[in-house]
Amino acid sequence: MAMDFLTIFILLSSVILICILSQTLNSKHQKSGKLPPGPYPIPIVGNILKLGQKPHLSLAKLSKTYGPLMYLKIGYLETVVVSSPEIAKDILQKYDHVFSSRSVPGAAMVDEHHKHSMVWLPAENQWRKLRRICKEQMFSMSRLDGSWDLRQEKLQKLFEYVSQCCVNGQAVNIGEAAFITSLNLISATIFSVELSEFNSDSSHEFKDVFWGVMKCIGSPNFADYFPVLKYVDPQGIVRQNKFYFGKLFAIFDGIIDQRLKSRGTQKKNDLLEALLDLNQKPDPELSRDDIKHLLMDLFVAGVDTTTGTVEWAMTELLRNSNKLLKARNELKDVVGVNGLIEESDISRLSYLQGVVKETFRFHPVVPFLVPHKANADIEINGYVVPKNAQILVNVWATGRDSNTWSSPNSFMPERFLNHKIDFRGQDFELIPFGAGRRICPGLPLASRMVHLMLATLICNFEWKLDEGLNQEEIDMSEKFGLSLQKAIPLKAFPIKL
């Protein structure tokens, strides 16, 4: 963008003032009860200036003043921010039926994505059908166990790539290596083909597109806060996302067309084949558009979040060499030197599990989860959460809360060794994948991949930073979108053990 968020706001304020005042005078919406506390909204714009460049940080700070259930008016969008495990449990479990819908940003409406997407559809028949298909065809225990050889193959390629970097004295871009491994695993599972290779330009292009989608959908957008700007798209966010969608849909269309031509002679045992079977029925269960938008969900969400978690975990381990050593020693005891981890080993790697959980706590890749929406007025903790309000569960703030965690600003995998807290949606102190009926369906695969990639990188290699760079000097800055990624990629030199 040529102009920053505040500059655009100033330039458009006069136009917004006239339009919003007109809508305000005609508004008949009345609150039926006491709203949660929150900062006083400025006329017209509300609390929009409170968001800042990193809303997860800004809203976490505000919650310390106004409490764990906080109300903001962001333009015309009513927003309730949740910053405690107890209230998160009320929202995502106790009153799940009220909060199971989505607050859909304009960027997710590109090409009517929200009408086909498992992420954005309301929790009704089409959504249930897509969830069932994904579980049966990709994420069930039997399917995951049956596709272990694919993951083993991708881990072997990751190992070989890092080993070659050792020989060449070449630094490894950890995030990129994790991205290519995740991308190829998912593409092999869905299409039976790999979409990228190490040291290829295609990986950069895919990574840019996936991050572009997450940034467009997650970044503050004036058009979401002021409906009169919907068709103006002042920040160009919808236009950008349309470009990214077009690139991915062109790839999917090419693969689908090629598969349709070859189906008569060669049938594959992958997700695309199962989806096309449903599409080719006399009474199709899925349209071609349904398939393409589902593929968008699986690739963008699955690859981006897994990559981010692995990169943050390795960043923290390189900043804490004693913890890296503990993880490596445990792996040597269980797996052996120069061994590739088996999925059955994960249950015996308690410290590695602690590293992953601590990464989910300290660096949740989706800091607000995917926004929920209230389907009705409902009372929570003595306050009314109004109908149609956007609900943001700030899991980043929950993970840094000293009322929940001791030494919350320190990376301490040890905290999980004597506690049975898990991340599968039952312990609301740690819900990086969400909870309730909208919990991420890809959790079982993501969990396996994160543990496996980390184990491969830790067990077989020592890691050295650039000459002259101390571990305390590793850049920890973030870039914000729907997901939270490292702003400066982590690069380190591997040394074969």
Protein backbone atom coordinates (compact mmCIF):
# COMPACT_ATOMS: atom_id res chain seq x y z
CA MET A 1 0.00 0.00 0.00
CA ALA A 2 1.28 3.46 -0.88
CA MET A 3 -0.24 5.06 2.22
CA ASP A 4 -0.38 3.80 5.77
CA PHE A 5 -3.51 3.11 7.77
CA LEU A 6 -3.69 6.50 9.53
CA THR A 7 -3.00 8.52 6.37
CA ILE A 8 -5.83 6.83 4.51
CA PHE A 9 -8.12 7.48 7.47
CA ILE A 10 -7.34 11.23 7.45
CA LEU A 11 -7.88 11.57 3.70
CA LEU A 12 -11.24 9.80 3.83
CA SER A 13 -12.59 11.26 7.06
CA SER A 14 -14.60 14.06 5.42
CA VAL A 15 -16.38 11.63 3.10
CA ILE A 16 -17.01 9.19 5.91
CA LEU A 17 -18.40 11.92 8.17
CA ILE A 18 -21.24 12.81 5.82
CA CYS A 19 -22.12 9.19 5.02
CA ILE A 20 -21.94 7.88 8.55
CA LEU A 21 -23.89 10.77 10.07
CA SER A 22 -26.70 10.00 7.64
CA GLN A 23 -26.72 6.33 8.65
CA THR A 24 -26.49 7.23 12.32
CA LEU A 25 -29.57 9.44 12.19
CA ASN A 26 -31.55 6.62 10.60
CA SER A 27 -30.35 3.90 12.93
CA LYS A 28 -33.05 2.36 15.09
CA HIS A 29 -30.90 -0.22 16.79
CA GLN A 30 -31.39 -0.19 20.56
CA LYS A 31 -29.44 -2.13 23.15
CA SER A 32 -31.52 -4.30 25.45
CA GLY A 33 -28.95 -4.44 28.27
CA LYS A 34 -25.63 -3.29 29.63
CA LEU A 35 -22.73 -3.65 27.21
CA PRO A 36 -19.33 -4.91 28.39
CA PRO A 37 -16.90 -2.18 29.46
CA GLY A 38 -14.58 -0.64 26.94
CA PRO A 39 -12.86 2.57 25.86
CA TYR A 40 -15.13 5.49 25.05
CA PRO A 41 -15.81 5.55 21.29
CA ILE A 42 -15.05 8.70 19.30
CA PRO A 43 -18.09 9.88 17.32
CA ILE A 44 -18.27 8.33 13.85
CA VAL A 45 -15.03 6.34 13.98
CA GLY A 46 -15.55 4.68 17.35
CA ASN A 47 -12.42 2.96 18.68
CA ILE A 48 -10.75 2.38 15.33
CA LEU A 49 -7.62 4.30 16.29
CA LYS A 50 -7.10 1.95 19.25
CA LEU A 51 -6.27 -0.96 16.95
CA GLY A 52 -2.80 0.17 15.88
CA GLN A 53 -0.53 -1.82 13.59
CA LYS A 54 -0.62 -4.87 15.88
CA PRO A 55 -4.17 -5.25 17.17
CA HIS A 56 -3.38 -8.34 19.27
CA LEU A 57 -0.98 -6.21 21.34
CA SER A 58 -3.23 -3.14 21.48
CA LEU A 59 -6.30 -5.09 22.56
CA ALA A 60 -4.33 -7.13 25.11
CA LYS A 61 -3.19 -3.86 26.70
CA LEU A 62 -6.73 -2.44 26.70
CA SER A 63 -8.09 -5.60 28.33
CA LYS A 64 -5.87 -4.94 31.35
CA THR A 65 -7.87 -1.75 31.88
CA TYR A 66 -11.37 -2.84 30.85
CA GLY A 67 -11.33 -6.53 31.68
CA PRO A 68 -11.47 -9.90 29.90
CA LEU A 69 -14.83 -9.16 28.24
CA MET A 70 -14.44 -5.85 26.41
CA TYR A 71 -16.65 -3.94 23.99
CA LEU A 72 -15.42 -1.73 21.17
CA LYS A 73 -17.13 0.10 18.35
CA ILE A 74 -14.90 -0.04 15.31
CA GLY A 75 -16.64 2.25 12.86
CA TYR A 76 -20.03 0.58 12.56
CA LEU A 77 -18.77 -2.87 13.55
CA GLU A 78 -19.58 -3.85 17.11
CA THR A 79 -16.75 -5.96 18.49
CA VAL A 80 -16.42 -7.94 21.71
CA VAL A 81 -12.92 -9.02 22.71
CA VAL A 82 -12.43 -12.06 24.97
CA SER A 83 -9.16 -12.31 26.90
CA SER A 84 -9.60 -15.02 29.53
CA PRO A 85 -9.96 -18.82 29.44
CA GLU A 86 -13.16 -18.72 31.52
CA ILE A 87 -15.03 -16.41 29.14
CA ALA A 88 -13.57 -18.19 26.11
CA LYS A 89 -15.14 -21.37 27.48
CA ASP A 90 -18.51 -19.62 27.75
CA ILE A 91 -18.26 -18.33 24.19
CA LEU A 92 -16.88 -21.43 22.48
CA GLN A 93 -18.45 -24.21 24.54
CA LYS A 94 -21.32 -23.21 26.86
CA TYR A 95 -22.97 -20.89 24.32
CA ASP A 96 -21.43 -22.44 21.22
CA HIS A 97 -24.83 -22.53 19.51
CA VAL A 98 -25.07 -18.72 19.73
CA PHE A 99 -21.51 -17.96 18.62
CA SER A 100 -20.95 -20.59 15.92
CA SER A 101 -21.38 -18.19 12.99
CA ARG A 102 -18.61 -16.10 11.47
CA SER A 103 -18.05 -12.38 11.15
CA VAL A 104 -16.97 -12.32 7.51
CA PRO A 105 -14.50 -9.65 6.34
CA GLY A 106 -14.87 -8.23 2.87
CA ALA A 107 -11.62 -9.84 1.72
CA ALA A 108 -13.13 -13.28 2.38
CA MET A 109 -16.06 -12.44 0.08
CA VAL A 110 -13.84 -12.34 -2.99
CA ASP A 111 -15.26 -14.66 -5.68
CA GLU A 112 -18.03 -15.47 -3.14
CA HIS A 113 -15.50 -17.47 -1.15
CA HIS A 114 -17.61 -17.11 2.02
CA LYS A 115 -20.50 -18.92 0.31
CA HIS A 116 -18.37 -22.01 -0.36
CA SER A 117 -15.70 -21.94 2.33
CA MET A 118 -15.70 -24.29 5.32
CA VAL A 119 -13.98 -21.51 7.27
CA TRP A 120 -16.64 -18.83 6.67
CA LEU A 121 -19.91 -20.69 6.04
CA PRO A 122 -22.48 -20.65 8.86
CA ALA A 123 -22.63 -23.88 10.86
CA GLU A 124 -25.42 -25.36 8.77
CA ASN A 125 -25.89 -28.17 6.24
CA GLN A 126 -23.22 -27.24 3.66
CA TRP A 127 -20.66 -26.57 6.38
CA ARG A 128 -21.43 -29.91 8.05
CA LYS A 129 -21.08 -31.71 4.72
CA LEU A 130 -17.66 -30.17 4.04
CA ARG A 131 -16.45 -30.97 7.56
CA ARG A 132 -17.62 -34.57 7.18
CA ILE A 133 -15.87 -34.96 3.82
CA CYS A 134 -12.60 -33.56 5.20
CA LYS A 135 -12.72 -35.79 8.24
CA GLU A 136 -13.57 -38.95 6.33
CA GLN A 137 -11.20 -38.38 3.43
CA MET A 138 -8.23 -36.63 5.04
CA PHE A 139 -8.19 -36.10 8.80
CA SER A 140 -9.58 -39.26 10.37
CA MET A 141 -7.18 -41.39 12.40
CA SER A 142 -7.38 -44.22 9.88
CA ARG A 143 -6.65 -41.86 6.95
CA LEU A 144 -3.76 -40.23 8.77
CA ASP A 145 -2.27 -43.56 9.78
CA GLY A 146 -2.63 -44.76 6.22
CA SER A 147 -0.80 -41.74 4.80
CA TRP A 148 2.21 -41.99 7.11
CA ASP A 149 4.45 -42.98 4.21
CA LEU A 150 3.78 -39.60 2.56
CA ARG A 151 4.87 -37.70 5.65
CA GLN A 152 7.92 -39.94 6.02
CA GLU A 153 8.89 -39.19 2.42
CA LYS A 154 8.60 -35.40 2.94
CA LEU A 155 10.59 -35.59 6.18
CA GLN A 156 13.32 -37.52 4.37
CA LYS A 157 13.50 -34.79 1.74
CA LEU A 158 13.71 -32.14 4.45
CA PHE A 159 16.54 -34.11 6.08
CA GLU A 160 18.37 -34.46 2.75
CA TYR A 161 18.00 -30.76 1.97
CA VAL A 162 19.38 -29.65 5.34
CA SER A 163 22.18 -32.22 5.04
CA GLN A 164 23.15 -30.76 1.67
CA CYS A 165 23.18 -27.29 3.23
CA CYS A 166 25.67 -28.67 5.77
CA VAL A 167 27.96 -29.86 3.00
CA ASN A 168 27.69 -26.54 1.15
CA GLY A 169 28.08 -24.38 4.25
CA GLN A 170 24.73 -22.80 3.36
CA ALA A 171 22.30 -21.23 5.83
CA VAL A 172 18.80 -22.70 6.01
CA ASN A 173 15.79 -20.43 5.90
CA ILE A 174 13.81 -22.35 8.52
CA GLY A 175 10.42 -20.92 7.61
CA GLU A 176 10.93 -21.61 3.92
CA ALA A 177 12.09 -25.18 4.54
CA ALA A 178 9.07 -25.81 6.76
CA PHE A 179 6.81 -24.18 4.16
CA ILE A 180 8.02 -26.38 1.29
CA THR A 181 7.72 -29.50 3.44
CA SER A 182 4.17 -28.61 4.51
CA LEU A 183 3.11 -27.53 1.02
CA ASN A 184 4.35 -30.74 -0.58
CA LEU A 185 2.82 -32.92 2.08
CA ILE A 186 -0.61 -31.35 1.61
CA SER A 187 -0.34 -31.28 -2.18
CA ALA A 188 0.73 -34.94 -2.25
CA THR A 189 -2.19 -35.86 0.03
CA ILE A 190 -4.70 -33.92 -2.06
CA PHE A 191 -3.30 -34.17 -5.60
CA SER A 192 -0.64 -36.95 -5.48
CA VAL A 193 1.88 -34.40 -6.79
CA GLU A 194 4.41 -32.01 -5.26
CA LEU A 195 3.94 -28.33 -5.99
CA SER A 196 7.41 -27.09 -5.10
CA GLU A 197 11.06 -28.03 -4.61
CA PHE A 198 13.78 -26.78 -2.31
CA ASN A 199 15.78 -23.89 -3.77
CA SER A 200 13.04 -23.11 -6.31
CA ASP A 201 11.37 -19.83 -7.20
CA SER A 202 7.96 -21.50 -7.03
CA SER A 203 8.20 -21.85 -3.26
CA HIS A 204 8.70 -18.09 -2.86
CA GLU A 205 5.71 -17.42 -5.11
CA PHE A 206 3.42 -19.79 -3.20
CA LYS A 207 4.58 -18.40 0.14
CA ASP A 208 3.91 -14.83 -1.00
CA VAL A 209 0.43 -15.76 -2.22
CA PHE A 210 -0.53 -17.66 0.93
CA TRP A 211 0.72 -14.89 3.20
CA GLY A 212 -1.01 -12.33 0.95
CA VAL A 213 -4.37 -14.06 1.48
CA MET A 214 -3.86 -14.23 5.26
CA LYS A 215 -2.78 -10.58 5.41
CA CYS A 216 -5.72 -9.34 3.31
CA ILE A 217 -8.27 -11.25 5.38
CA GLY A 218 -6.76 -10.38 8.75
CA SER A 219 -5.67 -6.76 8.30
CA PRO A 220 -7.92 -3.91 9.51
CA ASN A 221 -10.04 -2.81 6.55
CA PHE A 222 -12.01 0.46 6.45
CA ALA A 223 -14.59 -1.12 4.18
CA ASP A 224 -15.48 -3.61 6.92
CA TYR A 225 -15.99 -0.83 9.46
CA PHE A 226 -17.81 1.65 7.23
CA PRO A 227 -20.25 -0.16 4.89
CA VAL A 228 -20.52 2.88 2.59
CA LEU A 229 -16.91 2.22 1.53
CA LYS A 230 -17.53 -1.37 0.46
CA TYR A 231 -17.56 -0.57 -3.24
CA VAL A 232 -14.71 1.93 -3.00
CA ASP A 233 -12.21 -0.51 -1.42
CA PRO A 234 -10.04 2.44 -0.29
CA GLN A 235 -7.07 0.34 0.83
CA GLY A 236 -7.21 -1.97 -2.18
CA ILE A 237 -7.45 -5.03 0.08
CA VAL A 238 -10.24 -6.72 -1.88
CA ARG A 239 -8.44 -6.05 -5.17
CA GLN A 240 -5.24 -7.55 -3.79
CA ASN A 241 -7.01 -10.62 -2.50
CA LYS A 242 -8.78 -11.12 -5.82
CA PHE A 243 -5.34 -11.24 -7.45
CA TYR A 244 -4.12 -13.87 -4.96
CA PHE A 245 -7.28 -15.94 -5.33
CA GLY A 246 -6.95 -15.81 -9.11
CA LYS A 247 -3.42 -17.21 -9.00
CA LEU A 248 -4.41 -20.13 -6.77
CA PHE A 249 -7.64 -20.90 -8.61
CA ALA A 250 -5.72 -21.00 -11.92
CA ILE A 251 -3.43 -23.67 -10.45
CA PHE A 252 -6.37 -25.65 -9.06
CA ASP A 253 -8.27 -25.45 -12.37
CA GLY A 254 -5.27 -26.77 -14.27
CA ILE A 255 -4.83 -29.71 -11.91
CA ILE A 256 -8.56 -30.53 -11.91
CA ASP A 257 -8.74 -30.40 -15.73
CA GLN A 258 -5.72 -32.67 -16.04
CA ARG A 259 -7.19 -35.14 -13.56
CA LEU A 260 -10.57 -35.22 -15.33
CA LYS A 261 -8.80 -36.15 -18.58
CA SER A 262 -6.84 -39.00 -16.98
CA ARG A 263 -9.61 -40.46 -14.80
CA GLY A 264 -10.63 -42.97 -17.41
CA THR A 265 -7.20 -44.59 -17.58
CA GLN A 266 -5.70 -44.02 -14.15
CA LYS A 267 -7.51 -43.46 -10.86
CA LYS A 268 -5.61 -42.17 -7.85
CA ASN A 269 -6.30 -42.70 -4.18
CA ASP A 270 -6.22 -39.08 -2.98
CA LEU A 271 -8.59 -36.36 -1.80
CA LEU A 272 -9.10 -34.82 -5.23
CA GLU A 273 -10.31 -38.16 -6.57
CA ALA A 274 -12.82 -38.43 -3.74
CA LEU A 275 -14.02 -34.87 -4.33
CA LEU A 276 -14.41 -35.45 -8.07
CA ASP A 277 -16.39 -38.64 -7.36
CA LEU A 278 -18.85 -36.50 -5.40
CA ASN A 279 -18.89 -33.93 -8.19
CA GLN A 280 -19.45 -36.45 -10.99
CA LYS A 281 -22.51 -38.10 -9.45
CA PRO A 282 -25.84 -37.74 -11.35
CA ASP A 283 -26.94 -35.57 -8.43
CA PRO A 284 -23.63 -33.89 -7.48
CA GLU A 285 -22.88 -33.35 -3.80
CA LEU A 286 -20.20 -30.77 -4.60
CA SER A 287 -19.86 -28.25 -7.42
CA ARG A 288 -16.54 -27.45 -9.03
CA ASP A 289 -16.57 -24.12 -7.20
CA ASP A 290 -17.12 -25.95 -3.90
CA ILE A 291 -14.03 -28.06 -4.62
CA LYS A 292 -11.83 -25.08 -5.52
CA HIS A 293 -12.80 -23.08 -2.45
CA LEU A 294 -12.29 -26.11 -0.21
CA LEU A 295 -8.81 -26.55 -1.68
CA MET A 296 -8.16 -22.88 -0.93
CA ASP A 297 -9.07 -23.45 2.73
CA LEU A 298 -6.93 -26.56 3.08
CA PHE A 299 -3.83 -25.12 1.47
CA VAL A 300 -3.79 -21.59 2.84
CA ALA A 301 -4.78 -22.44 6.41
CA GLY A 302 -2.89 -25.73 6.65
CA VAL A 303 0.43 -24.67 5.18
CA ASP A 304 0.64 -21.16 6.64
CA THR A 305 -0.11 -22.06 10.26
CA THR A 306 2.11 -25.16 10.37
CA THR A 307 5.00 -23.22 8.85
CA GLY A 308 4.62 -20.37 11.32
CA THR A 309 4.58 -22.67 14.34
CA VAL A 310 7.74 -24.53 13.28
CA GLU A 311 9.60 -21.27 12.62
CA TRP A 312 8.60 -19.73 15.96
CA ALA A 313 9.53 -22.95 17.81
CA MET A 314 12.97 -23.10 16.21
CA THR A 315 13.47 -19.39 16.89
CA GLU A 316 12.81 -19.87 20.60
CA LEU A 317 15.03 -22.95 20.77
CA LEU A 318 17.93 -21.11 19.12
CA ARG A 319 17.43 -18.29 21.62
CA ASN A 320 17.46 -20.83 24.47
CA SER A 321 20.30 -23.25 23.76
CA ASN A 322 19.79 -25.17 27.02
CA LYS A 323 16.23 -26.00 25.99
CA LEU A 324 17.37 -27.04 22.53
CA LEU A 325 19.86 -29.38 24.19
CA LYS A 326 17.14 -30.90 26.39
CA ALA A 327 14.94 -31.54 23.36
CA ARG A 328 17.84 -33.09 21.41
CA ASN A 329 18.92 -35.34 24.29
CA GLU A 330 15.38 -36.62 24.68
CA LEU A 331 15.21 -37.37 20.97
CA LYS A 332 18.53 -39.23 21.07
CA ASP A 333 17.25 -41.37 23.92
CA VAL A 334 14.00 -42.24 22.13
CA VAL A 335 14.91 -42.17 18.44
CA GLY A 336 18.69 -42.52 18.42
CA VAL A 337 21.33 -40.51 16.60
CA ASN A 338 20.65 -39.84 12.90
CA GLY A 339 17.28 -41.51 13.14
CA LEU A 340 14.05 -40.34 11.54
CA ILE A 341 11.24 -40.05 14.04
CA GLU A 342 8.22 -42.31 13.75
CA GLU A 343 4.80 -40.89 14.61
CA SER A 344 4.46 -43.51 17.32
CA ASP A 345 7.47 -41.90 19.04
CA ILE A 346 5.69 -38.59 19.67
CA SER A 347 3.81 -39.88 22.72
CA ARG A 348 7.16 -40.72 24.37
CA LEU A 349 8.70 -37.31 23.71
CA SER A 350 7.31 -35.31 26.60
CA TYR A 351 9.80 -32.45 26.33
CA LEU A 352 9.23 -32.07 22.58
CA GLN A 353 5.49 -31.98 23.28
CA GLY A 354 6.21 -29.27 25.84
CA VAL A 355 8.13 -27.26 23.24
CA VAL A 356 5.18 -27.42 20.84
CA LYS A 357 2.63 -26.49 23.52
CA GLU A 358 4.79 -23.63 24.74
CA THR A 359 5.07 -22.35 21.16
CA PHE A 360 1.29 -22.49 20.79
CA ARG A 361 0.99 -20.51 24.04
CA PHE A 362 3.72 -17.96 23.40
CA HIS A 363 3.31 -17.54 19.64
CA PRO A 364 -0.24 -18.54 18.61
CA VAL A 365 -0.16 -18.27 14.84
CA VAL A 366 -3.81 -17.12 14.64
CA PRO A 367 -3.86 -14.60 17.52
CA PHE A 368 -7.63 -13.92 17.45
CA LEU A 369 -8.69 -17.30 16.06
CA VAL A 370 -11.12 -16.81 13.15
CA PRO A 371 -13.72 -14.17 14.16
CA HIS A 372 -17.01 -15.50 15.51
CA LYS A 373 -20.36 -13.68 15.42
CA ALA A 374 -23.21 -13.52 17.92
CA ASN A 375 -26.48 -14.83 16.45
CA ALA A 376 -28.53 -13.26 19.25
CA ASP A 377 -28.23 -10.95 22.25
CA ILE A 378 -26.90 -13.02 25.13
CA GLU A 379 -25.76 -12.27 28.66
CA ILE A 380 -22.21 -13.19 29.65
CA ASN A 381 -20.81 -12.31 33.07
CA GLY A 382 -23.61 -9.82 33.68
CA TYR A 383 -23.11 -8.02 30.36
CA VAL A 384 -25.02 -8.26 27.09
CA VAL A 385 -23.09 -9.33 24.02
CA PRO A 386 -25.21 -7.80 21.23
CA LYS A 387 -26.54 -9.69 18.25
CA ASN A 388 -24.30 -9.53 15.15
CA ALA A 389 -21.27 -8.43 17.18
CA GLN A 390 -17.90 -9.67 15.97
CA ILE A 391 -16.26 -11.87 18.64
CA LEU A 392 -12.46 -11.86 18.85
CA VAL A 393 -10.91 -14.44 21.19
CA ASN A 394 -7.48 -13.01 21.90
CA VAL A 395 -5.53 -16.20 22.50
CA TRP A 396 -2.31 -14.20 22.27
CA ALA A 397 -3.40 -12.20 25.34
CA THR A 398 -4.57 -15.33 27.17
CA GLY A 399 -1.18 -16.93 26.61
CA ARG A 400 0.61 -13.92 28.14
CA ASP A 401 -1.73 -13.53 31.14
CA SER A 402 0.05 -13.72 34.52
CA ASN A 403 -3.23 -14.77 36.16
CA THR A 404 -3.12 -17.96 34.11
CA TRP A 405 0.60 -18.62 33.58
CA SER A 406 3.64 -18.17 35.80
CA SER A 407 6.44 -16.18 34.12
CA PRO A 408 4.22 -15.70 31.07
CA ASN A 409 6.84 -13.77 29.09
CA SER A 410 9.43 -16.55 29.29
CA PHE A 411 9.65 -19.54 26.94
CA MET A 412 9.42 -22.50 29.35
CA PRO A 413 8.49 -25.90 27.85
CA GLU A 414 9.05 -27.35 31.35
CA ARG A 415 5.77 -25.84 32.54
CA PHE A 416 3.91 -28.58 30.64
CA LEU A 417 5.87 -31.56 31.96
CA ASN A 418 3.78 -31.93 35.10
CA HIS A 419 0.53 -30.57 33.70
CA LYS A 420 -1.93 -32.37 31.44
CA ILE A 421 -3.04 -29.20 29.60
CA ASP A 422 -3.54 -29.97 25.91
CA PHE A 423 -4.34 -27.91 22.81
CA ARG A 424 -7.23 -29.99 21.44
CA GLY A 425 -10.05 -27.70 22.54
CA GLN A 426 -10.82 -28.87 26.08
CA ASP A 427 -8.33 -26.75 28.05
CA PHE A 428 -9.25 -23.14 27.34
CA GLU A 429 -5.93 -21.81 28.57
CA LEU A 430 -4.47 -23.23 25.34
CA ILE A 431 -6.74 -23.19 22.28
CA PRO A 432 -4.57 -22.28 19.26
CA PHE A 433 -6.92 -24.31 17.01
CA GLY A 434 -10.10 -22.94 18.59
CA ALA A 435 -12.70 -25.04 20.36
CA GLY A 436 -16.29 -26.18 20.05
CA ARG A 437 -17.90 -27.02 16.75
CA ARG A 438 -15.67 -24.55 14.84
CA ILE A 439 -12.42 -26.09 16.03
CA CYS A 440 -9.92 -26.45 13.17
CA PRO A 441 -10.58 -29.80 11.44
CA GLY A 442 -6.92 -30.05 10.40
CA LEU A 443 -5.65 -30.16 13.99
CA PRO A 444 -4.70 -33.89 13.91
CA LEU A 445 -2.52 -33.46 10.80
CA ALA A 446 -1.03 -30.13 11.91
CA SER A 447 -0.04 -31.61 15.28
CA ARG A 448 1.75 -34.53 13.65
CA MET A 449 3.56 -32.35 11.13
CA VAL A 450 4.80 -29.78 13.66
CA HIS A 451 6.23 -32.46 15.96
CA LEU A 452 7.79 -34.37 13.07
CA MET A 453 9.45 -31.39 11.41
CA LEU A 454 10.82 -30.07 14.69
CA ALA A 455 12.19 -33.49 15.60
CA THR A 456 13.89 -33.80 12.20
CA LEU A 457 15.58 -30.40 12.57
CA ILE A 458 16.58 -30.88 16.21
CA CYS A 459 17.67 -34.51 16.35
CA ASN A 460 20.02 -34.58 13.39
CA PHE A 461 21.66 -31.15 13.37
CA GLU A 462 23.37 -28.58 15.51
CA TRP A 463 22.54 -24.99 14.53
CA LYS A 464 24.78 -21.92 14.38
CA LEU A 465 23.71 -18.31 13.83
CA ASP A 466 25.48 -15.87 11.51
CA GLU A 467 28.96 -14.92 12.64
CA GLY A 468 28.79 -12.24 15.29
CA LEU A 469 25.06 -12.68 15.98
CA ASN A 470 24.23 -13.63 19.56
CA GLN A 471 21.13 -15.64 20.41
CA GLU A 472 19.70 -12.66 22.28
CA GLU A 473 19.91 -10.62 19.06
CA ILE A 474 17.58 -12.82 16.99
CA ASP A 475 14.88 -10.57 15.56
CA MET A 476 11.49 -11.38 17.14
CA SER A 477 9.35 -8.82 15.32
CA GLU A 478 6.00 -9.96 13.93
CA LYS A 479 3.92 -9.25 10.86
CA PHE A 480 0.18 -9.26 11.42
CA GLY A 481 -2.57 -10.76 9.30
CA LEU A 482 -5.13 -13.44 10.04
CA SER A 483 -1.98 -15.29 11.09
CA LEU A 484 1.04 -13.95 12.98
CA GLN A 485 4.36 -14.65 11.28
CA LYS A 486 7.97 -13.67 11.85
CA ALA A 487 8.70 -10.40 10.10
CA ILE A 488 12.39 -11.32 9.57
CA PRO A 489 12.94 -14.95 8.49
CA LEU A 490 15.01 -17.17 10.78
CA LYS A 491 18.21 -18.32 9.07
CA ALA A 492 20.83 -20.57 10.64
CA PHE A 493 23.72 -22.80 9.55
CA PRO A 494 23.21 -26.54 10.19
CA ILE A 495 26.03 -28.73 11.42
CA LYS A 496 25.61 -32.48 11.03
CA LEU A 497 25.77 -34.38 14.29
